[in-house]
N, C-alpha and C. Protein backbone atom coordinates (compact mmCIF):
# COMPACT_ATOMS: atom_id res chain seq x y z
N MET A 1 -9.53 -15.56 -16.55
CA MET A 1 -9.34 -15.42 -15.10
C MET A 1 -7.61 -15.65 -14.92
N LEU A 2 -6.98 -14.36 -14.55
CA LEU A 2 -5.73 -14.64 -14.10
C LEU A 2 -5.23 -15.36 -13.09
N ALA A 3 -4.45 -16.46 -12.70
CA ALA A 3 -4.29 -16.92 -11.48
C ALA A 3 -2.93 -15.86 -10.99
N LEU A 4 -3.29 -15.98 -9.96
CA LEU A 4 -2.51 -15.01 -8.73
C LEU A 4 -1.01 -15.70 -8.35
N LEU A 5 0.37 -15.69 -8.76
CA LEU A 5 1.07 -16.63 -8.17
C LEU A 5 2.05 -15.85 -7.35
N GLY A 6 2.52 -16.01 -6.48
CA GLY A 6 3.77 -15.73 -5.15
C GLY A 6 2.54 -14.26 -4.71
N ALA A 7 1.26 -14.67 -4.78
CA ALA A 7 0.85 -13.21 -4.10
C ALA A 7 1.39 -12.70 -2.40
N LEU A 8 1.33 -11.58 -2.35
CA LEU A 8 2.12 -10.82 -1.36
C LEU A 8 1.39 -10.80 -0.21
N LEU A 9 1.49 -11.72 1.30
CA LEU A 9 0.29 -12.38 1.85
C LEU A 9 1.07 -11.68 2.97
N THR A 10 1.29 -12.84 4.15
CA THR A 10 1.61 -12.82 5.55
C THR A 10 3.22 -13.06 5.14
N VAL A 11 4.11 -12.29 5.66
CA VAL A 11 5.66 -11.73 5.60
C VAL A 11 6.36 -11.79 6.91
N LEU A 12 7.52 -12.33 6.98
CA LEU A 12 8.03 -11.81 8.20
C LEU A 12 8.86 -10.27 8.06
N ALA A 13 8.28 -10.00 9.16
CA ALA A 13 9.10 -8.39 9.11
C ALA A 13 10.21 -8.55 9.56
N PRO A 14 11.17 -7.38 8.58
CA PRO A 14 12.61 -6.88 8.57
C PRO A 14 12.89 -6.36 9.95
N PRO A 15 14.12 -6.14 10.30
CA PRO A 15 14.54 -5.57 11.11
C PRO A 15 13.86 -4.47 11.49
N ALA A 16 13.93 -3.94 12.76
CA ALA A 16 13.45 -2.91 12.58
C ALA A 16 14.16 -1.66 12.32
N SER A 17 15.51 -1.55 12.39
CA SER A 17 16.03 -0.52 11.91
C SER A 17 16.63 -0.56 10.47
N ALA A 18 15.90 -1.71 9.65
CA ALA A 18 15.97 -1.49 8.30
C ALA A 18 14.39 -0.49 7.86
N GLN A 19 13.50 -0.41 8.26
CA GLN A 19 12.20 0.17 8.49
C GLN A 19 12.16 1.56 9.11
N ALA A 20 12.98 2.33 9.68
CA ALA A 20 12.40 2.89 10.52
C ALA A 20 12.45 4.03 9.63
N ALA A 21 11.08 4.91 10.08
CA ALA A 21 10.56 6.24 9.78
C ALA A 21 11.68 7.25 9.61
N ALA A 22 11.17 8.52 9.24
CA ALA A 22 11.57 9.27 9.57
C ALA A 22 11.23 9.97 11.03
N ALA A 23 11.77 10.46 11.70
CA ALA A 23 11.55 10.60 13.45
C ALA A 23 10.13 11.43 13.39
N GLY A 24 9.15 10.98 14.27
CA GLY A 24 7.95 11.54 14.38
C GLY A 24 6.87 11.63 12.80
N GLU A 25 7.27 11.20 11.95
CA GLU A 25 6.30 10.72 10.51
C GLU A 25 6.50 9.45 9.93
N LEU A 26 5.05 9.00 9.57
CA LEU A 26 5.01 7.58 9.17
C LEU A 26 4.33 7.65 7.59
N ARG A 27 4.91 7.99 6.55
CA ARG A 27 4.48 8.02 5.07
C ARG A 27 4.34 6.59 4.05
N GLY A 28 3.87 6.87 3.04
CA GLY A 28 3.84 5.69 2.17
C GLY A 28 5.09 4.88 1.84
N GLY A 29 5.00 3.88 1.93
CA GLY A 29 6.14 3.07 1.55
C GLY A 29 6.82 2.54 3.01
N ASP A 30 6.62 2.77 4.29
CA ASP A 30 6.79 2.67 5.48
C ASP A 30 6.48 1.34 5.77
N ALA A 31 6.45 0.36 6.82
CA ALA A 31 6.29 -0.73 7.37
C ALA A 31 5.26 -0.59 8.68
N LEU A 32 4.06 -1.56 8.15
CA LEU A 32 3.46 -1.59 9.30
C LEU A 32 3.03 -2.86 9.70
N TYR A 33 3.12 -3.13 11.25
CA TYR A 33 3.09 -4.40 11.93
C TYR A 33 1.99 -4.79 12.51
N GLY A 34 1.53 -5.98 12.18
CA GLY A 34 -0.18 -6.12 13.27
C GLY A 34 0.10 -6.63 13.92
N SER A 35 -0.87 -6.66 15.00
CA SER A 35 -0.97 -7.68 16.03
C SER A 35 -1.44 -8.78 16.06
N ALA A 36 -2.00 -9.13 14.76
CA ALA A 36 -2.61 -10.05 14.24
C ALA A 36 -1.22 -11.16 13.11
N GLY A 37 -0.41 -10.30 13.46
CA GLY A 37 1.09 -11.31 12.86
C GLY A 37 1.09 -10.96 11.38
N TYR A 38 0.56 -10.24 10.97
CA TYR A 38 0.96 -9.71 9.42
C TYR A 38 1.72 -8.29 9.51
N SER A 39 2.27 -8.39 8.32
CA SER A 39 3.33 -7.03 8.29
C SER A 39 2.92 -6.43 6.74
N CYS A 40 2.59 -5.39 6.61
CA CYS A 40 2.57 -4.77 5.29
C CYS A 40 3.16 -3.23 5.15
N THR A 41 3.09 -3.19 3.52
CA THR A 41 3.51 -1.36 3.22
C THR A 41 2.39 -0.74 3.54
N LEU A 42 2.21 0.39 3.93
CA LEU A 42 1.77 1.28 4.25
C LEU A 42 1.74 2.05 2.56
N GLY A 43 0.38 2.37 2.10
CA GLY A 43 -0.04 2.64 0.65
C GLY A 43 0.25 4.71 0.98
N PHE A 44 -0.96 4.91 1.10
CA PHE A 44 -1.31 6.47 1.51
C PHE A 44 -1.59 6.67 2.31
N ASN A 45 -1.61 7.89 3.26
CA ASN A 45 -2.17 8.56 4.24
C ASN A 45 -3.68 9.30 3.63
N ALA A 46 -4.16 9.43 4.61
CA ALA A 46 -5.62 10.09 3.62
C ALA A 46 -6.43 10.78 4.97
N VAL A 47 -7.27 11.80 4.77
CA VAL A 47 -8.20 12.26 5.70
C VAL A 47 -9.68 12.29 5.86
N GLY A 48 -10.35 11.82 6.55
CA GLY A 48 -11.52 12.05 6.35
C GLY A 48 -12.54 12.95 7.42
N GLY A 49 -13.66 12.53 7.83
CA GLY A 49 -14.24 13.58 8.63
C GLY A 49 -13.77 13.52 10.14
N GLY A 50 -14.11 15.19 10.29
CA GLY A 50 -13.30 15.83 11.34
C GLY A 50 -11.48 15.72 11.20
N ASP A 51 -11.21 15.65 10.46
CA ASP A 51 -9.98 15.72 10.23
C ASP A 51 -9.06 14.41 10.45
N THR A 52 -9.87 13.31 10.71
CA THR A 52 -9.33 12.22 11.47
C THR A 52 -8.48 11.81 10.19
N SER A 53 -6.94 11.25 10.66
CA SER A 53 -6.18 10.58 9.54
C SER A 53 -6.36 9.08 10.05
N TYR A 54 -5.74 8.48 8.67
CA TYR A 54 -5.91 7.36 8.36
C TYR A 54 -5.12 6.94 7.32
N GLY A 55 -4.82 5.48 7.06
CA GLY A 55 -3.88 4.85 6.51
C GLY A 55 -4.54 3.66 5.74
N ILE A 56 -3.87 3.87 4.37
CA ILE A 56 -4.69 2.83 3.44
C ILE A 56 -3.70 1.71 3.29
N ILE A 57 -4.21 0.11 3.76
CA ILE A 57 -3.10 -1.04 3.39
C ILE A 57 -4.22 -1.36 2.26
N PRO A 58 -3.56 -3.19 1.98
CA PRO A 58 -4.56 -3.91 1.22
C PRO A 58 -5.64 -4.72 2.69
N GLY A 59 -6.60 -5.05 1.77
CA GLY A 59 -7.76 -5.57 2.77
C GLY A 59 -7.52 -7.16 3.06
N HIS A 60 -6.23 -7.58 2.18
CA HIS A 60 -6.26 -9.29 2.81
C HIS A 60 -5.22 -9.35 4.25
N CYS A 61 -4.71 -8.26 4.95
CA CYS A 61 -3.76 -7.78 5.64
C CYS A 61 -4.39 -6.74 6.72
N ALA A 62 -5.82 -6.78 6.36
CA ALA A 62 -6.58 -5.90 7.21
C ALA A 62 -7.55 -5.91 8.38
N ASP A 63 -7.72 -6.94 9.00
CA ASP A 63 -8.69 -7.27 9.69
C ASP A 63 -9.29 -6.37 10.77
N VAL A 64 -10.72 -6.01 9.97
CA VAL A 64 -11.08 -4.78 11.50
C VAL A 64 -10.67 -5.15 12.80
N GLY A 65 -10.12 -4.21 13.58
CA GLY A 65 -9.85 -4.39 14.81
C GLY A 65 -8.53 -4.56 15.22
N THR A 66 -7.35 -5.14 13.96
CA THR A 66 -6.34 -5.20 14.23
C THR A 66 -5.55 -3.76 14.60
N SER A 67 -4.73 -4.16 15.85
CA SER A 67 -3.49 -3.01 16.07
C SER A 67 -2.54 -2.72 15.29
N TRP A 68 -1.93 -1.77 14.56
CA TRP A 68 -0.92 -1.47 14.12
C TRP A 68 0.21 -0.69 14.58
N PHE A 69 1.26 -0.94 14.23
CA PHE A 69 2.58 -0.44 15.06
C PHE A 69 3.16 -0.14 13.94
N ALA A 70 4.48 0.91 14.39
CA ALA A 70 5.28 1.66 13.03
C ALA A 70 6.74 1.76 13.85
N ASP A 71 7.70 1.98 12.70
CA ASP A 71 8.86 2.45 13.61
C ASP A 71 9.26 3.97 13.57
N VAL A 72 8.87 4.66 14.45
CA VAL A 72 9.06 5.78 14.27
C VAL A 72 9.83 6.49 15.41
N GLY A 73 10.86 7.29 14.69
CA GLY A 73 11.71 7.74 15.52
C GLY A 73 12.77 6.39 16.22
N GLY A 74 12.88 5.62 15.82
CA GLY A 74 13.91 4.86 16.22
C GLY A 74 13.19 3.96 17.15
N SER A 75 11.56 3.85 17.54
CA SER A 75 11.20 3.13 18.54
C SER A 75 9.86 2.68 17.88
N ARG A 76 9.52 1.37 17.94
CA ARG A 76 8.41 0.70 17.52
C ARG A 76 6.84 1.34 18.62
N VAL A 77 5.91 2.05 17.63
CA VAL A 77 4.87 2.46 18.77
C VAL A 77 3.48 1.96 18.26
N ASN A 78 2.88 2.23 18.80
CA ASN A 78 1.23 1.84 18.60
C ASN A 78 0.86 2.94 17.66
N VAL A 79 0.43 2.95 16.25
CA VAL A 79 -0.41 3.96 15.47
C VAL A 79 -1.67 4.08 15.51
N GLY A 80 -2.58 3.11 15.44
CA GLY A 80 -4.04 2.98 15.11
C GLY A 80 -4.52 1.79 15.27
N THR A 81 -5.66 1.34 14.63
CA THR A 81 -6.54 0.17 14.49
C THR A 81 -7.19 0.09 13.49
N THR A 82 -7.09 -1.23 12.86
CA THR A 82 -8.25 -1.21 11.22
C THR A 82 -9.38 -0.65 11.50
N SER A 83 -10.11 0.19 10.55
CA SER A 83 -11.56 0.27 11.25
C SER A 83 -12.33 0.03 9.97
N GLY A 84 -11.92 -0.24 8.81
CA GLY A 84 -12.59 -0.83 7.33
C GLY A 84 -11.57 -1.56 6.71
N SER A 85 -12.48 -2.80 6.53
CA SER A 85 -11.60 -3.79 5.15
C SER A 85 -12.79 -4.64 4.09
N SER A 86 -12.08 -4.59 3.10
CA SER A 86 -12.70 -5.56 2.07
C SER A 86 -12.10 -6.50 1.37
N PHE A 87 -12.16 -7.72 1.19
CA PHE A 87 -11.65 -8.90 0.57
C PHE A 87 -12.17 -9.82 0.97
N PRO A 88 -12.29 -10.87 -0.18
CA PRO A 88 -12.20 -10.61 -1.47
C PRO A 88 -12.90 -9.86 -2.23
N SER A 89 -13.10 -10.19 -3.45
CA SER A 89 -13.94 -9.07 -4.35
C SER A 89 -13.20 -7.56 -4.41
N ASN A 90 -13.29 -7.30 -3.57
CA ASN A 90 -11.74 -5.81 -3.28
C ASN A 90 -10.73 -6.21 -2.77
N ASP A 91 -9.68 -5.25 -2.61
CA ASP A 91 -8.90 -5.77 -1.53
C ASP A 91 -8.26 -4.36 -1.02
N TYR A 92 -9.03 -3.84 -0.21
CA TYR A 92 -8.37 -2.63 1.02
C TYR A 92 -8.43 -2.39 2.00
N GLY A 93 -8.31 -1.83 2.66
CA GLY A 93 -8.94 -1.36 3.82
C GLY A 93 -8.07 -0.29 4.56
N VAL A 94 -8.51 0.10 5.79
CA VAL A 94 -7.86 1.47 6.10
C VAL A 94 -7.80 1.34 7.45
N VAL A 95 -6.86 2.31 7.98
CA VAL A 95 -6.23 2.23 9.16
C VAL A 95 -6.66 3.69 10.15
N ARG A 96 -7.40 3.79 10.98
CA ARG A 96 -8.06 4.64 11.56
C ARG A 96 -6.51 5.16 12.80
N TYR A 97 -5.72 6.12 12.29
CA TYR A 97 -4.69 6.70 13.21
C TYR A 97 -5.20 7.66 14.71
N SER A 98 -4.57 6.91 15.60
CA SER A 98 -5.28 7.20 16.98
C SER A 98 -3.73 7.98 17.74
N ASN A 99 -2.86 7.79 16.95
CA ASN A 99 -1.75 8.61 17.58
C ASN A 99 -0.90 9.89 17.23
N THR A 100 -1.54 10.61 17.74
CA THR A 100 -1.35 12.43 17.65
C THR A 100 0.12 12.76 17.70
N SER A 101 0.76 11.66 18.34
CA SER A 101 2.70 12.57 18.10
C SER A 101 3.37 12.13 17.26
N VAL A 102 2.19 10.92 16.02
CA VAL A 102 2.98 11.13 15.09
C VAL A 102 2.28 11.96 13.93
N SER A 103 3.05 11.97 12.87
CA SER A 103 2.54 13.12 12.02
C SER A 103 2.64 12.14 10.82
N TYR A 104 1.47 12.51 9.67
CA TYR A 104 1.35 11.52 8.63
C TYR A 104 1.33 12.32 7.29
N PRO A 105 2.00 12.51 6.84
CA PRO A 105 2.07 13.26 5.45
C PRO A 105 1.94 12.72 4.44
N GLY A 106 1.11 13.63 3.79
CA GLY A 106 1.30 13.11 2.26
C GLY A 106 1.86 12.80 1.11
N GLU A 107 2.87 12.64 1.36
CA GLU A 107 4.10 12.01 1.13
C GLU A 107 4.07 9.87 0.90
N VAL A 108 4.98 10.48 -0.14
CA VAL A 108 5.39 8.53 -0.16
C VAL A 108 7.10 8.38 -0.78
N LYS A 109 7.62 7.19 -0.61
CA LYS A 109 8.73 7.15 -0.37
C LYS A 109 9.00 7.15 -2.40
N GLY A 110 10.45 7.77 -2.72
CA GLY A 110 10.48 7.45 -3.87
C GLY A 110 12.15 7.01 -4.31
N SER A 111 12.41 7.28 -5.55
CA SER A 111 13.69 6.71 -5.67
C SER A 111 14.62 7.12 -4.72
N GLY A 112 15.34 6.05 -4.27
CA GLY A 112 16.39 6.11 -2.62
C GLY A 112 16.00 6.59 -1.34
N GLY A 113 14.16 6.66 -1.30
CA GLY A 113 13.42 6.45 -0.36
C GLY A 113 13.29 7.87 -0.31
N ALA A 114 13.57 8.60 -0.97
CA ALA A 114 13.52 10.30 -1.13
C ALA A 114 11.91 10.72 -1.40
N PRO A 115 11.25 11.40 -0.25
CA PRO A 115 9.84 11.69 -0.64
C PRO A 115 9.23 12.19 -1.78
N VAL A 116 8.19 11.96 -2.36
CA VAL A 116 7.77 12.57 -3.45
C VAL A 116 6.31 12.59 -3.00
N ASP A 117 6.03 13.82 -2.91
CA ASP A 117 4.49 14.84 -2.75
C ASP A 117 3.75 14.45 -3.49
N ILE A 118 2.84 13.78 -3.07
CA ILE A 118 1.14 13.52 -3.69
C ILE A 118 -0.06 14.51 -3.46
N THR A 119 -0.19 14.81 -4.56
CA THR A 119 -0.95 16.08 -4.54
C THR A 119 -2.64 15.49 -5.41
N GLY A 120 -2.71 14.16 -5.71
CA GLY A 120 -4.07 14.42 -6.30
C GLY A 120 -3.93 12.56 -6.54
N ALA A 121 -4.86 12.15 -7.26
CA ALA A 121 -5.35 11.19 -7.77
C ALA A 121 -6.29 10.72 -8.99
N VAL A 122 -5.48 9.59 -9.85
CA VAL A 122 -5.74 9.18 -11.31
C VAL A 122 -6.19 8.23 -11.08
N ASP A 123 -6.96 7.83 -11.96
CA ASP A 123 -7.36 6.70 -12.71
C ASP A 123 -6.41 6.08 -13.25
N PRO A 124 -5.89 4.84 -13.11
CA PRO A 124 -4.86 4.31 -14.58
C PRO A 124 -5.78 4.04 -15.73
N SER A 125 -4.34 3.89 -16.64
CA SER A 125 -5.24 4.00 -18.14
C SER A 125 -3.79 3.22 -18.91
N PRO A 126 -4.01 2.00 -19.67
CA PRO A 126 -3.02 1.51 -20.54
C PRO A 126 -1.89 2.35 -20.96
N GLY A 127 -0.51 1.98 -20.80
CA GLY A 127 0.40 2.94 -21.19
C GLY A 127 0.97 4.38 -20.50
N MET A 128 0.55 4.49 -19.25
CA MET A 128 0.31 4.91 -17.99
C MET A 128 1.78 4.97 -17.64
N ALA A 129 2.63 5.87 -17.50
CA ALA A 129 3.77 5.60 -16.87
C ALA A 129 3.48 5.74 -15.13
N LEU A 130 4.47 4.64 -14.33
CA LEU A 130 4.28 4.36 -13.44
C LEU A 130 4.89 4.03 -12.32
N CYS A 131 5.52 4.37 -11.14
CA CYS A 131 6.31 3.96 -10.32
C CYS A 131 5.60 3.42 -9.10
N HIS A 132 6.16 2.40 -8.11
CA HIS A 132 5.73 2.16 -7.12
C HIS A 132 7.16 1.74 -5.98
N TYR A 133 6.41 2.25 -4.76
CA TYR A 133 7.54 1.43 -3.90
C TYR A 133 7.39 0.56 -3.09
N GLY A 134 7.88 -0.43 -2.65
CA GLY A 134 8.17 -1.65 -1.68
C GLY A 134 8.59 -1.73 -0.91
N ARG A 135 8.73 -1.82 0.04
CA ARG A 135 9.29 -2.03 1.33
C ARG A 135 10.80 -2.49 1.54
N VAL A 136 10.54 -3.91 0.96
CA VAL A 136 11.57 -4.68 0.51
C VAL A 136 11.94 -4.46 -0.92
N SER A 137 11.61 -4.53 -2.09
CA SER A 137 12.44 -4.32 -3.21
C SER A 137 12.88 -3.08 -3.36
N GLY A 138 11.87 -1.69 -2.99
CA GLY A 138 12.13 -0.48 -3.20
C GLY A 138 11.60 0.24 -4.28
N TYR A 139 12.38 1.20 -4.87
CA TYR A 139 11.75 1.81 -5.98
C TYR A 139 11.96 1.25 -7.70
N HIS A 140 10.85 1.35 -7.92
CA HIS A 140 11.13 0.43 -9.51
C HIS A 140 9.75 1.33 -10.33
N CYS A 141 9.85 1.38 -11.74
CA CYS A 141 9.03 2.50 -12.53
C CYS A 141 9.02 1.63 -13.44
N GLY A 142 7.77 1.56 -14.48
CA GLY A 142 7.20 0.64 -15.60
C GLY A 142 6.35 1.73 -16.32
N THR A 143 5.20 0.87 -17.03
CA THR A 143 4.17 1.47 -17.65
C THR A 143 2.91 0.30 -16.90
N VAL A 144 1.88 1.14 -17.02
CA VAL A 144 0.42 0.12 -16.81
C VAL A 144 0.10 -0.70 -17.80
N GLN A 145 0.30 -1.93 -17.79
CA GLN A 145 -0.41 -3.14 -18.85
C GLN A 145 -1.70 -3.34 -19.51
N ALA A 146 -2.60 -3.30 -17.77
CA ALA A 146 -3.81 -3.13 -18.69
C ALA A 146 -4.63 -2.99 -17.36
N VAL A 147 -5.86 -2.46 -17.25
CA VAL A 147 -6.64 -2.03 -16.32
C VAL A 147 -8.33 -3.28 -16.38
N ASN A 148 -8.99 -3.39 -15.10
CA ASN A 148 -10.19 -3.81 -15.13
C ASN A 148 -9.84 -5.32 -14.87
N VAL A 149 -8.37 -5.69 -14.34
CA VAL A 149 -8.11 -6.88 -14.53
C VAL A 149 -8.96 -7.76 -13.13
N THR A 150 -8.85 -9.06 -13.36
CA THR A 150 -9.45 -10.24 -12.54
C THR A 150 -8.57 -11.38 -12.01
N VAL A 151 -8.29 -11.40 -10.51
CA VAL A 151 -7.24 -11.97 -9.97
C VAL A 151 -8.17 -13.01 -8.76
N ASN A 152 -7.48 -14.29 -9.01
CA ASN A 152 -8.29 -15.33 -8.24
C ASN A 152 -6.89 -15.42 -7.09
N PHE A 153 -7.40 -15.14 -6.00
CA PHE A 153 -6.22 -15.43 -4.36
C PHE A 153 -6.98 -16.80 -4.22
N PRO A 154 -6.56 -17.57 -3.05
CA PRO A 154 -7.13 -18.63 -2.58
C PRO A 154 -8.34 -18.16 -1.73
N GLU A 155 -8.52 -17.09 -1.38
CA GLU A 155 -9.53 -16.74 -0.52
C GLU A 155 -10.57 -16.52 -1.09
N GLY A 156 -10.53 -16.11 -2.67
CA GLY A 156 -11.51 -15.66 -3.62
C GLY A 156 -11.52 -14.68 -4.74
N VAL A 157 -12.34 -14.39 -5.60
CA VAL A 157 -11.97 -13.43 -6.65
C VAL A 157 -12.12 -11.96 -6.52
N VAL A 158 -10.73 -10.98 -7.24
CA VAL A 158 -10.57 -9.63 -6.85
C VAL A 158 -10.88 -8.97 -8.03
N SER A 159 -11.46 -8.79 -8.19
CA SER A 159 -12.04 -7.99 -9.67
C SER A 159 -11.56 -6.20 -9.52
N GLY A 160 -11.30 -5.65 -10.65
CA GLY A 160 -11.43 -4.50 -11.05
C GLY A 160 -9.58 -3.93 -10.58
N LEU A 161 -8.87 -4.75 -10.76
CA LEU A 161 -7.68 -4.08 -10.51
C LEU A 161 -6.79 -3.46 -11.35
N PHE A 162 -5.79 -3.33 -11.59
CA PHE A 162 -4.82 -3.04 -12.92
C PHE A 162 -3.87 -3.88 -12.50
N ARG A 163 -2.85 -4.05 -13.70
CA ARG A 163 -1.43 -4.44 -13.73
C ARG A 163 -0.55 -3.79 -14.52
N SER A 164 0.91 -3.95 -13.93
CA SER A 164 1.75 -2.99 -14.31
C SER A 164 3.07 -4.09 -15.29
N ASN A 165 3.79 -3.88 -15.51
CA ASN A 165 5.15 -4.70 -15.72
C ASN A 165 6.12 -4.56 -15.05
N ILE A 166 6.50 -3.66 -13.77
CA ILE A 166 6.91 -3.37 -12.46
C ILE A 166 6.79 -4.77 -11.87
N CYS A 167 8.35 -5.32 -11.18
CA CYS A 167 8.39 -6.18 -10.42
C CYS A 167 8.08 -5.69 -9.03
N SER A 168 8.24 -7.18 -8.09
CA SER A 168 7.29 -6.80 -6.85
C SER A 168 8.51 -8.14 -6.37
N GLU A 169 8.52 -7.74 -5.10
CA GLU A 169 8.83 -9.10 -3.92
C GLU A 169 7.49 -9.16 -2.92
N PRO A 170 7.89 -10.36 -2.15
CA PRO A 170 7.17 -10.65 -1.31
C PRO A 170 7.31 -9.66 -0.17
N GLY A 171 6.04 -8.69 0.32
CA GLY A 171 6.60 -7.88 1.25
C GLY A 171 5.90 -6.58 1.01
N ASP A 172 6.21 -6.67 -0.24
CA ASP A 172 5.81 -5.02 -0.42
C ASP A 172 4.19 -5.07 -0.92
N ASN A 173 3.80 -6.02 -0.60
CA ASN A 173 2.13 -5.42 -0.56
C ASN A 173 1.66 -4.17 0.27
N GLY A 174 0.72 -3.52 -0.69
CA GLY A 174 0.28 -2.25 0.24
C GLY A 174 0.72 -0.99 -0.38
N GLY A 175 2.45 -1.37 -0.93
CA GLY A 175 3.06 -0.33 -1.32
C GLY A 175 2.46 0.66 -2.41
N PRO A 176 3.11 2.10 -2.57
CA PRO A 176 2.14 3.19 -2.88
C PRO A 176 2.71 2.86 -4.52
N ALA A 177 1.71 3.36 -5.70
CA ALA A 177 2.02 3.09 -6.90
C ALA A 177 1.35 4.51 -7.34
N PHE A 178 2.03 5.44 -7.97
CA PHE A 178 2.19 6.74 -8.34
C PHE A 178 2.49 6.95 -9.62
N SER A 179 2.22 7.58 -10.37
CA SER A 179 2.32 8.42 -11.69
C SER A 179 2.84 10.21 -11.19
N GLY A 180 4.04 10.41 -11.50
CA GLY A 180 4.58 11.91 -10.78
C GLY A 180 3.72 11.99 -9.54
N GLY A 181 2.96 12.86 -9.39
CA GLY A 181 2.28 13.25 -7.84
C GLY A 181 1.21 12.75 -7.96
N ASN A 182 1.00 12.25 -8.85
CA ASN A 182 -0.55 11.56 -8.02
C ASN A 182 -0.84 10.07 -8.07
N ALA A 183 -1.54 10.04 -6.74
CA ALA A 183 -1.61 8.47 -6.29
C ALA A 183 -2.53 7.41 -7.86
N VAL A 184 -2.34 6.69 -8.22
CA VAL A 184 -2.68 5.48 -8.76
C VAL A 184 -3.63 4.12 -8.36
N GLY A 185 -2.49 3.83 -7.04
CA GLY A 185 -2.87 2.44 -6.31
C GLY A 185 -2.14 1.75 -5.55
N ILE A 186 -2.49 0.81 -4.69
CA ILE A 186 -1.25 0.85 -3.91
C ILE A 186 -1.43 -1.63 -4.67
N ILE A 187 -0.07 -2.07 -4.04
CA ILE A 187 0.12 -3.09 -4.35
C ILE A 187 -0.39 -4.38 -3.70
N ILE A 188 -1.41 -5.23 -4.31
CA ILE A 188 -1.92 -6.16 -3.49
C ILE A 188 -1.43 -7.57 -4.01
N GLY A 189 -0.16 -7.67 -5.16
CA GLY A 189 0.18 -9.20 -5.52
C GLY A 189 1.15 -9.00 -6.65
N SER A 190 1.87 -9.67 -7.39
CA SER A 190 2.63 -10.14 -8.03
C SER A 190 2.74 -11.39 -8.80
N THR A 191 3.58 -11.49 -9.85
CA THR A 191 4.39 -12.70 -10.41
C THR A 191 5.40 -12.69 -10.74
N GLY A 192 6.46 -13.52 -10.43
CA GLY A 192 8.01 -13.55 -10.80
C GLY A 192 8.41 -12.50 -9.27
N ASN A 193 9.87 -12.15 -9.79
CA ASN A 193 10.71 -11.27 -8.87
C ASN A 193 11.24 -9.88 -9.58
N CYS A 194 11.92 -9.56 -8.76
CA CYS A 194 12.98 -8.24 -9.10
C CYS A 194 14.18 -8.91 -9.38
N THR A 195 14.54 -10.13 -9.40
CA THR A 195 15.46 -10.88 -9.74
C THR A 195 15.44 -11.38 -11.72
N THR A 196 14.31 -12.17 -11.44
CA THR A 196 14.07 -12.56 -12.83
C THR A 196 12.80 -11.66 -14.04
N GLY A 197 12.12 -10.84 -13.17
CA GLY A 197 11.08 -10.21 -13.92
C GLY A 197 9.66 -10.49 -13.35
N GLY A 198 9.19 -9.85 -13.41
CA GLY A 198 7.11 -9.98 -13.12
C GLY A 198 6.55 -8.98 -13.43
N VAL A 199 5.45 -9.19 -13.49
CA VAL A 199 4.69 -8.18 -12.68
C VAL A 199 3.98 -8.00 -11.69
N THR A 200 3.00 -6.96 -11.81
CA THR A 200 2.40 -6.32 -10.59
C THR A 200 1.05 -5.85 -10.53
N TYR A 201 0.21 -6.54 -9.62
CA TYR A 201 -1.09 -5.93 -9.50
C TYR A 201 -1.65 -5.13 -8.11
N TYR A 202 -2.78 -4.23 -8.81
CA TYR A 202 -2.93 -3.10 -7.76
C TYR A 202 -4.60 -2.97 -7.67
N GLN A 203 -4.46 -2.31 -6.55
CA GLN A 203 -5.99 -1.92 -6.42
C GLN A 203 -5.83 -0.41 -6.43
N PRO A 204 -6.93 -0.06 -7.31
CA PRO A 204 -7.06 1.70 -7.79
C PRO A 204 -7.26 2.18 -6.06
N ILE A 205 -6.87 3.34 -6.49
CA ILE A 205 -6.46 4.59 -5.12
C ILE A 205 -7.99 5.07 -5.24
N LYS A 206 -8.30 5.39 -6.60
CA LYS A 206 -10.07 6.21 -6.53
C LYS A 206 -10.80 5.61 -6.05
N GLU A 207 -10.80 4.56 -5.84
CA GLU A 207 -12.17 3.70 -5.54
C GLU A 207 -11.95 3.45 -3.98
N ILE A 208 -11.09 3.40 -3.34
CA ILE A 208 -10.94 3.23 -2.10
C ILE A 208 -11.01 4.78 -1.41
N LEU A 209 -11.14 5.90 -1.79
CA LEU A 209 -11.46 7.32 -1.27
C LEU A 209 -12.95 7.51 -1.71
N ALA A 210 -13.53 7.12 -2.79
CA ALA A 210 -14.55 7.26 -2.49
C ALA A 210 -15.49 6.25 -1.71
N VAL A 211 -14.94 4.89 -1.29
CA VAL A 211 -15.94 4.42 -0.39
C VAL A 211 -15.66 5.01 1.04
N TYR A 212 -14.66 5.30 1.22
CA TYR A 212 -14.87 5.49 2.67
C TYR A 212 -14.75 7.15 3.11
N GLY A 213 -14.96 7.98 1.52
CA GLY A 213 -15.04 8.89 1.98
C GLY A 213 -13.64 9.76 2.71
N LEU A 214 -12.60 9.66 1.77
CA LEU A 214 -11.76 9.89 1.88
C LEU A 214 -10.63 11.07 1.20
N THR A 215 -9.95 12.18 1.69
CA THR A 215 -8.91 12.45 0.59
C THR A 215 -7.56 12.49 1.02
N LEU A 216 -6.62 12.35 0.09
CA LEU A 216 -5.54 12.10 0.45
C LEU A 216 -4.66 13.41 1.16
N SER A 217 -3.96 12.58 2.41
CA SER A 217 -3.51 14.18 2.66
C SER A 217 -3.15 15.08 2.10
């Protein structure tokens, strides 16, 4: 079993000006601030029954009932509430968006924060080219090293993860991981950092979509 060092859990939110989303939009890689004091990176936007929009985030910062806020158009606004969460064993949760004045495109932040259109979802495989975006460290790329990885959090074991050779920083948790235009997973923890190097662990996206009956936006 791998021990997770430097897990990306509760962090202080950066200044709002550093995390402002494009006017009226909230996309993967933007920050979400929870009413319980947690802050996470949004992974991907998705759609459920009745065309309801959802945001996908880690379960370790997605207590059911938590209200979430985002910096949209220069102001911090309420965008929705956690409607589902699983942690430990798994590490994923969903925010049911309720603010219809904000749009939730099927894009994530890429190089320089430029939007990358996500059109599908794939399972990870060793050697797969992978990029991710964390709201602290930004955009980095590498390859998938291993799948079906088990990690030990203080709260318990999380299994079925995959690992890359890409670095992360505290506060990147939740960030989208993608290969080309395909979603692959969300960041849930790491060892090391982007100064000395490290590895990152992810929850696969296809499992999350299947559990909640979602499709990517």
